[in-house]
Amino acid sequence: MFTGRFEFGGRKKCEEAIEKKGGITPNTKSVLPDLDFLVIGGKGSDRWSHGNYGKKIEAAILKRREFGKPAIISAALWGEALS
């Protein structure tokens, strides 16, 4: 799952890159317990305010405490892994 804005391109382009490598992207915008990764765009989001983060990140942190996942990774790390 992706949140924020990405140098790589729009969310659809990011999802297509995952699917080309055989990965699965969620059909929901909600962070569910079976989510493995939340990738945070390097450009952030206009909706994030000074020092705060978005609802997806908050939900991912709570799910991670309860279920041990998802991993929360930067767009830069995701891009390296994608190569």
PDB file of N, CA and C in Angstrom:
ATOM      1  N   MET A   1       0.848  -1.159   0.000  1.00  0.00           N
ATOM      2  CA  MET A   1       0.000   0.000   0.000  1.00  0.00           C
ATOM      3  C   MET A   1       0.900   1.231   0.000  1.00  0.00           C
ATOM      4  N   PHE A   2       0.416   2.288  -0.605  1.00  0.00           N
ATOM      5  CA  PHE A   2       1.185   3.515  -0.736  1.00  0.00           C
ATOM      6  C   PHE A   2       0.455   4.676  -0.069  1.00  0.00           C
ATOM      7  N   THR A   3       1.239   5.613   0.473  1.00  0.00           N
ATOM      8  CA  THR A   3       0.674   6.845   0.999  1.00  0.00           C
ATOM      9  C   THR A   3       1.642   7.986   0.707  1.00  0.00           C
ATOM     10  N   GLY A   4       1.111   9.141   0.482  1.00  0.00           N
ATOM     11  CA  GLY A   4       1.940  10.288   0.143  1.00  0.00           C
ATOM     12  C   GLY A   4       2.089  10.438  -1.363  1.00  0.00           C
ATOM     13  N   ARG A   5       3.083  11.228  -1.749  1.00  0.00           N
ATOM     14  CA  ARG A   5       3.353  11.466  -3.165  1.00  0.00           C
ATOM     15  C   ARG A   5       4.740  10.936  -3.494  1.00  0.00           C
ATOM     16  N   PHE A   6       4.902  10.429  -4.715  1.00  0.00           N
ATOM     17  CA  PHE A   6       6.109   9.705  -5.083  1.00  0.00           C
ATOM     18  C   PHE A   6       6.828  10.331  -6.272  1.00  0.00           C
ATOM     19  N   GLU A   7       8.153  10.372  -6.181  1.00  0.00           N
ATOM     20  CA  GLU A   7       8.987  10.792  -7.315  1.00  0.00           C
ATOM     21  C   GLU A   7       8.804   9.807  -8.473  1.00  0.00           C
ATOM     22  N   PHE A   8       8.603   8.541  -8.152  1.00  0.00           N
ATOM     23  CA  PHE A   8       8.466   7.462  -9.127  1.00  0.00           C
ATOM     24  C   PHE A   8       7.304   7.706 -10.077  1.00  0.00           C
ATOM     25  N   GLY A   9       6.264   8.351  -9.585  1.00  0.00           N
ATOM     26  CA  GLY A   9       5.057   8.599 -10.370  1.00  0.00           C
ATOM     27  C   GLY A   9       3.826   8.464  -9.501  1.00  0.00           C
ATOM     28  N   GLY A  10       2.675   8.478 -10.123  1.00  0.00           N
ATOM     29  CA  GLY A  10       1.414   8.361  -9.401  1.00  0.00           C
ATOM     30  C   GLY A  10       1.241   6.989  -8.768  1.00  0.00           C
ATOM     31  N   ARG A  11       0.278   6.899  -7.897  1.00  0.00           N
ATOM     32  CA  ARG A  11       0.020   5.654  -7.166  1.00  0.00           C
ATOM     33  C   ARG A  11      -0.232   4.492  -8.131  1.00  0.00           C
ATOM     34  N   LYS A  12      -0.962   4.731  -9.185  1.00  0.00           N
ATOM     35  CA  LYS A  12      -1.258   3.679 -10.168  1.00  0.00           C
ATOM     36  C   LYS A  12       0.036   3.134 -10.783  1.00  0.00           C
ATOM     37  N   LYS A  13       0.946   4.026 -11.114  1.00  0.00           N
ATOM     38  CA  LYS A  13       2.226   3.604 -11.694  1.00  0.00           C
ATOM     39  C   LYS A  13       3.025   2.780 -10.677  1.00  0.00           C
ATOM     40  N   CYS A  14       3.001   3.188  -9.414  1.00  0.00           N
ATOM     41  CA  CYS A  14       3.688   2.436  -8.355  1.00  0.00           C
ATOM     42  C   CYS A  14       3.088   1.041  -8.212  1.00  0.00           C
ATOM     43  N   GLU A  15       1.765   0.966  -8.215  1.00  0.00           N
ATOM     44  CA  GLU A  15       1.089  -0.331  -8.085  1.00  0.00           C
ATOM     45  C   GLU A  15       1.409  -1.230  -9.276  1.00  0.00           C
ATOM     46  N   GLU A  16       1.454  -0.665 -10.472  1.00  0.00           N
ATOM     47  CA  GLU A  16       1.787  -1.455 -11.664  1.00  0.00           C
ATOM     48  C   GLU A  16       3.200  -2.020 -11.562  1.00  0.00           C
ATOM     49  N   ALA A  17       4.135  -1.256 -10.996  1.00  0.00           N
ATOM     50  CA  ALA A  17       5.507  -1.733 -10.830  1.00  0.00           C
ATOM     51  C   ALA A  17       5.555  -2.924  -9.876  1.00  0.00           C
ATOM     52  N   ILE A  18       4.756  -2.888  -8.818  1.00  0.00           N
ATOM     53  CA  ILE A  18       4.674  -4.007  -7.862  1.00  0.00           C
ATOM     54  C   ILE A  18       4.107  -5.242  -8.554  1.00  0.00           C
ATOM     55  N   GLU A  19       3.023  -5.047  -9.285  1.00  0.00           N
ATOM     56  CA  GLU A  19       2.355  -6.165  -9.948  1.00  0.00           C
ATOM     57  C   GLU A  19       3.238  -6.792 -11.028  1.00  0.00           C
ATOM     58  N   LYS A  20       4.072  -5.983 -11.709  1.00  0.00           N
ATOM     59  CA  LYS A  20       5.001  -6.513 -12.707  1.00  0.00           C
ATOM     60  C   LYS A  20       6.004  -7.471 -12.084  1.00  0.00           C
ATOM     61  N   LYS A  21       6.335  -7.235 -10.820  1.00  0.00           N
ATOM     62  CA  LYS A  21       7.281  -8.087 -10.101  1.00  0.00           C
ATOM     63  C   LYS A  21       6.594  -9.264  -9.416  1.00  0.00           C
ATOM     64  N   GLY A  22       5.268  -9.400  -9.618  1.00  0.00           N
ATOM     65  CA  GLY A  22       4.530 -10.512  -9.043  1.00  0.00           C
ATOM     66  C   GLY A  22       3.890 -10.210  -7.701  1.00  0.00           C
ATOM     67  N   GLY A  23       3.995  -8.956  -7.263  1.00  0.00           N
ATOM     68  CA  GLY A  23       3.383  -8.574  -5.991  1.00  0.00           C
ATOM     69  C   GLY A  23       1.897  -8.308  -6.139  1.00  0.00           C
ATOM     70  N   ILE A  24       1.246  -8.183  -5.022  1.00  0.00           N
ATOM     71  CA  ILE A  24      -0.195  -7.923  -4.991  1.00  0.00           C
ATOM     72  C   ILE A  24      -0.419  -6.585  -4.305  1.00  0.00           C
ATOM     73  N   THR A  25      -1.255  -5.764  -4.898  1.00  0.00           N
ATOM     74  CA  THR A  25      -1.608  -4.488  -4.278  1.00  0.00           C
ATOM     75  C   THR A  25      -3.043  -4.574  -3.773  1.00  0.00           C
ATOM     76  N   PRO A  26      -3.316  -3.922  -2.646  1.00  0.00           N
ATOM     77  CA  PRO A  26      -4.658  -4.033  -2.059  1.00  0.00           C
ATOM     78  C   PRO A  26      -5.715  -3.296  -2.872  1.00  0.00           C
ATOM     79  N   ASN A  27      -6.933  -3.788  -2.795  1.00  0.00           N
ATOM     80  CA  ASN A  27      -8.071  -3.143  -3.472  1.00  0.00           C
ATOM     81  C   ASN A  27      -8.805  -2.196  -2.537  1.00  0.00           C
ATOM     82  N   THR A  28      -8.169  -1.830  -1.450  1.00  0.00           N
ATOM     83  CA  THR A  28      -8.789  -0.971  -0.460  1.00  0.00           C
ATOM     84  C   THR A  28      -7.838   0.149  -0.073  1.00  0.00           C
ATOM     85  N   LYS A  29      -8.372   1.204   0.479  1.00  0.00           N
ATOM     86  CA  LYS A  29      -7.536   2.293   0.979  1.00  0.00           C
ATOM     87  C   LYS A  29      -7.331   2.162   2.487  1.00  0.00           C
ATOM     88  N   SER A  30      -7.906   1.114   3.080  1.00  0.00           N
ATOM     89  CA  SER A  30      -7.794   0.879   4.514  1.00  0.00           C
ATOM     90  C   SER A  30      -6.615  -0.030   4.821  1.00  0.00           C
ATOM     91  N   VAL A  31      -5.942   0.239   5.924  1.00  0.00           N
ATOM     92  CA  VAL A  31      -4.842  -0.606   6.377  1.00  0.00           C
ATOM     93  C   VAL A  31      -5.448  -1.793   7.122  1.00  0.00           C
ATOM     94  N   LEU A  32      -5.340  -2.969   6.511  1.00  0.00           N
ATOM     95  CA  LEU A  32      -5.910  -4.189   7.076  1.00  0.00           C
ATOM     96  C   LEU A  32      -4.807  -5.045   7.699  1.00  0.00           C
ATOM     97  N   PRO A  33      -5.156  -5.974   8.596  1.00  0.00           N
ATOM     98  CA  PRO A  33      -4.146  -6.792   9.285  1.00  0.00           C
ATOM     99  C   PRO A  33      -3.257  -7.626   8.365  1.00  0.00           C
ATOM    100  N   ASP A  34      -3.704  -7.959   7.159  1.00  0.00           N
ATOM    101  CA  ASP A  34      -2.886  -8.782   6.273  1.00  0.00           C
ATOM    102  C   ASP A  34      -1.933  -7.972   5.388  1.00  0.00           C
ATOM    103  N   LEU A  35      -1.899  -6.667   5.551  1.00  0.00           N
ATOM    104  CA  LEU A  35      -1.008  -5.810   4.767  1.00  0.00           C
ATOM    105  C   LEU A  35       0.442  -6.055   5.187  1.00  0.00           C
ATOM    106  N   ASP A  36       1.323  -6.251   4.212  1.00  0.00           N
ATOM    107  CA  ASP A  36       2.727  -6.507   4.515  1.00  0.00           C
ATOM    108  C   ASP A  36       3.574  -5.234   4.559  1.00  0.00           C
ATOM    109  N   PHE A  37       3.306  -4.277   3.650  1.00  0.00           N
ATOM    110  CA  PHE A  37       4.133  -3.076   3.555  1.00  0.00           C
ATOM    111  C   PHE A  37       3.282  -1.824   3.352  1.00  0.00           C
ATOM    112  N   LEU A  38       3.680  -0.747   4.010  1.00  0.00           N
ATOM    113  CA  LEU A  38       3.161   0.587   3.717  1.00  0.00           C
ATOM    114  C   LEU A  38       4.359   1.400   3.265  1.00  0.00           C
ATOM    115  N   VAL A  39       4.307   1.897   2.035  1.00  0.00           N
ATOM    116  CA  VAL A  39       5.396   2.680   1.473  1.00  0.00           C
ATOM    117  C   VAL A  39       5.012   4.151   1.567  1.00  0.00           C
ATOM    118  N   ILE A  40       5.902   4.937   2.168  1.00  0.00           N
ATOM    119  CA  ILE A  40       5.636   6.361   2.374  1.00  0.00           C
ATOM    120  C   ILE A  40       6.383   7.167   1.324  1.00  0.00           C
ATOM    121  N   GLY A  41       5.632   7.915   0.530  1.00  0.00           N
ATOM    122  CA  GLY A  41       6.209   8.743  -0.520  1.00  0.00           C
ATOM    123  C   GLY A  41       7.123   9.816   0.032  1.00  0.00           C
ATOM    124  N   GLY A  42       8.223  10.051  -0.664  1.00  0.00           N
ATOM    125  CA  GLY A  42       9.206  11.039  -0.247  1.00  0.00           C
ATOM    126  C   GLY A  42       8.714  12.464  -0.312  1.00  0.00           C
ATOM    127  N   LYS A  43       7.675  12.699  -1.087  1.00  0.00           N
ATOM    128  CA  LYS A  43       7.132  14.049  -1.195  1.00  0.00           C
ATOM    129  C   LYS A  43       6.095  14.327  -0.120  1.00  0.00           C
ATOM    130  N   GLY A  44       5.776  13.328   0.690  1.00  0.00           N
ATOM    131  CA  GLY A  44       4.752  13.528   1.721  1.00  0.00           C
ATOM    132  C   GLY A  44       3.394  13.779   1.092  1.00  0.00           C
ATOM    133  N   SER A  45       2.568  14.487   1.798  1.00  0.00           N
ATOM    134  CA  SER A  45       1.231  14.802   1.316  1.00  0.00           C
ATOM    135  C   SER A  45       0.863  16.194   1.785  1.00  0.00           C
ATOM    136  N   ASP A  46       0.175  16.927   0.942  1.00  0.00           N
ATOM    137  CA  ASP A  46      -0.282  18.265   1.308  1.00  0.00           C
ATOM    138  C   ASP A  46      -1.201  18.226   2.518  1.00  0.00           C
ATOM    139  N   ARG A  47      -1.862  17.103   2.732  1.00  0.00           N
ATOM    140  CA  ARG A  47      -2.810  16.980   3.841  1.00  0.00           C
ATOM    141  C   ARG A  47      -2.116  16.756   5.184  1.00  0.00           C
ATOM    142  N   TRP A  48      -0.851  16.374   5.155  1.00  0.00           N
ATOM    143  CA  TRP A  48      -0.133  16.187   6.407  1.00  0.00           C
ATOM    144  C   TRP A  48       0.235  17.562   6.929  1.00  0.00           C
ATOM    145  N   SER A  49      -0.029  17.814   8.180  1.00  0.00           N
ATOM    146  CA  SER A  49       0.309  19.121   8.746  1.00  0.00           C
ATOM    147  C   SER A  49       1.606  19.043   9.531  1.00  0.00           C
ATOM    148  N   HIS A  50       2.153  20.159   9.857  1.00  0.00           N
ATOM    149  CA  HIS A  50       3.445  20.320  10.525  1.00  0.00           C
ATOM    150  C   HIS A  50       3.707  19.257  11.586  1.00  0.00           C
ATOM    151  N   GLY A  51       4.604  18.304  11.255  1.00  0.00           N
ATOM    152  CA  GLY A  51       4.994  17.286  12.215  1.00  0.00           C
ATOM    153  C   GLY A  51       3.996  16.154  12.389  1.00  0.00           C
ATOM    154  N   ASN A  52       2.840  16.248  11.792  1.00  0.00           N
ATOM    155  CA  ASN A  52       1.848  15.185  11.890  1.00  0.00           C
ATOM    156  C   ASN A  52       1.954  14.284  10.673  1.00  0.00           C
ATOM    157  N   TYR A  53       1.352  13.143  10.748  1.00  0.00           N
ATOM    158  CA  TYR A  53       1.351  12.225   9.616  1.00  0.00           C
ATOM    159  C   TYR A  53      -0.072  11.805   9.337  1.00  0.00           C
ATOM    160  N   GLY A  54      -0.246  11.151   8.216  1.00  0.00           N
ATOM    161  CA  GLY A  54      -1.580  10.794   7.754  1.00  0.00           C
ATOM    162  C   GLY A  54      -2.206   9.631   8.496  1.00  0.00           C
ATOM    163  N   LYS A  55      -3.466   9.438   8.221  1.00  0.00           N
ATOM    164  CA  LYS A  55      -4.248   8.379   8.866  1.00  0.00           C
ATOM    165  C   LYS A  55      -3.751   6.983   8.502  1.00  0.00           C
ATOM    166  N   LYS A  56      -3.255   6.787   7.266  1.00  0.00           N
ATOM    167  CA  LYS A  56      -2.740   5.467   6.898  1.00  0.00           C
ATOM    168  C   LYS A  56      -1.521   5.105   7.729  1.00  0.00           C
ATOM    169  N   ILE A  57      -0.652   6.074   7.959  1.00  0.00           N
ATOM    170  CA  ILE A  57       0.541   5.808   8.752  1.00  0.00           C
ATOM    171  C   ILE A  57       0.138   5.491  10.193  1.00  0.00           C
ATOM    172  N   GLU A  58      -0.778   6.263  10.726  1.00  0.00           N
ATOM    173  CA  GLU A  58      -1.263   6.022  12.078  1.00  0.00           C
ATOM    174  C   GLU A  58      -1.882   4.624  12.193  1.00  0.00           C
ATOM    175  N   ALA A  59      -2.710   4.258  11.217  1.00  0.00           N
ATOM    176  CA  ALA A  59      -3.342   2.931  11.230  1.00  0.00           C
ATOM    177  C   ALA A  59      -2.295   1.835  11.112  1.00  0.00           C
ATOM    178  N   ALA A  60      -1.267   2.054  10.276  1.00  0.00           N
ATOM    179  CA  ALA A  60      -0.213   1.053  10.105  1.00  0.00           C
ATOM    180  C   ALA A  60       0.574   0.855  11.399  1.00  0.00           C
ATOM    181  N   ILE A  61       0.832   1.935  12.114  1.00  0.00           N
ATOM    182  CA  ILE A  61       1.549   1.837  13.389  1.00  0.00           C
ATOM    183  C   ILE A  61       0.735   1.004  14.384  1.00  0.00           C
ATOM    184  N   LEU A  62      -0.554   1.266  14.448  1.00  0.00           N
ATOM    185  CA  LEU A  62      -1.417   0.508  15.369  1.00  0.00           C
ATOM    186  C   LEU A  62      -1.510  -0.963  14.979  1.00  0.00           C
ATOM    187  N   LYS A  63      -1.652  -1.246  13.677  1.00  0.00           N
ATOM    188  CA  LYS A  63      -1.709  -2.649  13.216  1.00  0.00           C
ATOM    189  C   LYS A  63      -0.388  -3.356  13.511  1.00  0.00           C
ATOM    190  N   ARG A  64       0.707  -2.643  13.324  1.00  0.00           N
ATOM    191  CA  ARG A  64       2.017  -3.237  13.560  1.00  0.00           C
ATOM    192  C   ARG A  64       2.190  -3.619  15.032  1.00  0.00           C
ATOM    193  N   ARG A  65       1.703  -2.770  15.923  1.00  0.00           N
ATOM    194  CA  ARG A  65       1.773  -3.089  17.356  1.00  0.00           C
ATOM    195  C   ARG A  65       0.972  -4.347  17.677  1.00  0.00           C
ATOM    196  N   GLU A  66      -0.168  -4.488  17.015  1.00  0.00           N
ATOM    197  CA  GLU A  66      -1.061  -5.608  17.313  1.00  0.00           C
ATOM    198  C   GLU A  66      -0.681  -6.893  16.574  1.00  0.00           C
ATOM    199  N   PHE A  67      -0.316  -6.770  15.284  1.00  0.00           N
ATOM    200  CA  PHE A  67      -0.109  -7.953  14.439  1.00  0.00           C
ATOM    201  C   PHE A  67       1.339  -8.161  13.992  1.00  0.00           C
ATOM    202  N   GLY A  68       2.237  -7.202  14.290  1.00  0.00           N
ATOM    203  CA  GLY A  68       3.636  -7.334  13.877  1.00  0.00           C
ATOM    204  C   GLY A  68       3.911  -6.889  12.456  1.00  0.00           C
ATOM    205  N   LYS A  69       2.923  -6.399  11.788  1.00  0.00           N
ATOM    206  CA  LYS A  69       3.069  -5.874  10.427  1.00  0.00           C
ATOM    207  C   LYS A  69       1.970  -4.867  10.179  1.00  0.00           C
ATOM    208  N   PRO A  70       2.106  -4.007   9.245  1.00  0.00           N
ATOM    209  CA  PRO A  70       3.007  -3.983   8.098  1.00  0.00           C
ATOM    210  C   PRO A  70       4.356  -3.335   8.433  1.00  0.00           C
ATOM    211  N   ALA A  71       5.334  -3.645   7.595  1.00  0.00           N
ATOM    212  CA  ALA A  71       6.583  -2.895   7.630  1.00  0.00           C
ATOM    213  C   ALA A  71       6.277  -1.523   7.033  1.00  0.00           C
ATOM    214  N   ILE A  72       6.838  -0.494   7.610  1.00  0.00           N
ATOM    215  CA  ILE A  72       6.634   0.872   7.114  1.00  0.00           C
ATOM    216  C   ILE A  72       7.966   1.311   6.530  1.00  0.00           C
ATOM    217  N   ILE A  73       7.983   1.531   5.214  1.00  0.00           N
ATOM    218  CA  ILE A  73       9.251   1.818   4.542  1.00  0.00           C
ATOM    219  C   ILE A  73       9.148   3.093   3.711  1.00  0.00           C
ATOM    220  N   SER A  74      10.300   3.673   3.454  1.00  0.00           N
ATOM    221  CA  SER A  74      10.366   4.889   2.643  1.00  0.00           C
ATOM    222  C   SER A  74      10.283   4.546   1.160  1.00  0.00           C
ATOM    223  N   ALA A  75       9.918   5.527   0.377  1.00  0.00           N
ATOM    224  CA  ALA A  75       9.866   5.358  -1.071  1.00  0.00           C
ATOM    225  C   ALA A  75      11.279   5.045  -1.606  1.00  0.00           C
ATOM    226  N   ALA A  76      12.301   5.636  -0.999  1.00  0.00           N
ATOM    227  CA  ALA A  76      13.679   5.392  -1.451  1.00  0.00           C
ATOM    228  C   ALA A  76      14.053   3.923  -1.267  1.00  0.00           C
ATOM    229  N   LEU A  77      13.748   3.364  -0.106  1.00  0.00           N
ATOM    230  CA  LEU A  77      14.045   1.944   0.151  1.00  0.00           C
ATOM    231  C   LEU A  77      13.223   1.054  -0.774  1.00  0.00           C
ATOM    232  N   TRP A  78      11.951   1.397  -0.968  1.00  0.00           N
ATOM    233  CA  TRP A  78      11.101   0.646  -1.889  1.00  0.00           C
ATOM    234  C   TRP A  78      11.698   0.652  -3.302  1.00  0.00           C
ATOM    235  N   GLY A  79      12.152   1.816  -3.750  1.00  0.00           N
ATOM    236  CA  GLY A  79      12.745   1.925  -5.090  1.00  0.00           C
ATOM    237  C   GLY A  79      13.981   1.072  -5.245  1.00  0.00           C
ATOM    238  N   GLU A  80      14.828   1.022  -4.199  1.00  0.00           N
ATOM    239  CA  GLU A  80      16.016   0.173  -4.240  1.00  0.00           C
ATOM    240  C   GLU A  80      15.626  -1.303  -4.331  1.00  0.00           C
ATOM    241  N   ALA A  81      14.640  -1.707  -3.558  1.00  0.00           N
ATOM    242  CA  ALA A  81      14.195  -3.107  -3.564  1.00  0.00           C
ATOM    243  C   ALA A  81      13.553  -3.479  -4.888  1.00  0.00           C
ATOM    244  N   LEU A  82      12.941  -2.522  -5.531  1.00  0.00           N
ATOM    245  CA  LEU A  82      12.250  -2.761  -6.795  1.00  0.00           C
ATOM    246  C   LEU A  82      13.233  -3.033  -7.931  1.00  0.00           C
ATOM    247  N   SER A  83      14.412  -2.433  -7.830  1.00  0.00           N
ATOM    248  CA  SER A  83      15.424  -2.561  -8.907  1.00  0.00           C
ATOM    249  C   SER A  83      15.966  -3.957  -9.014  1.00  0.00           C
TER     250      SER A  83
END
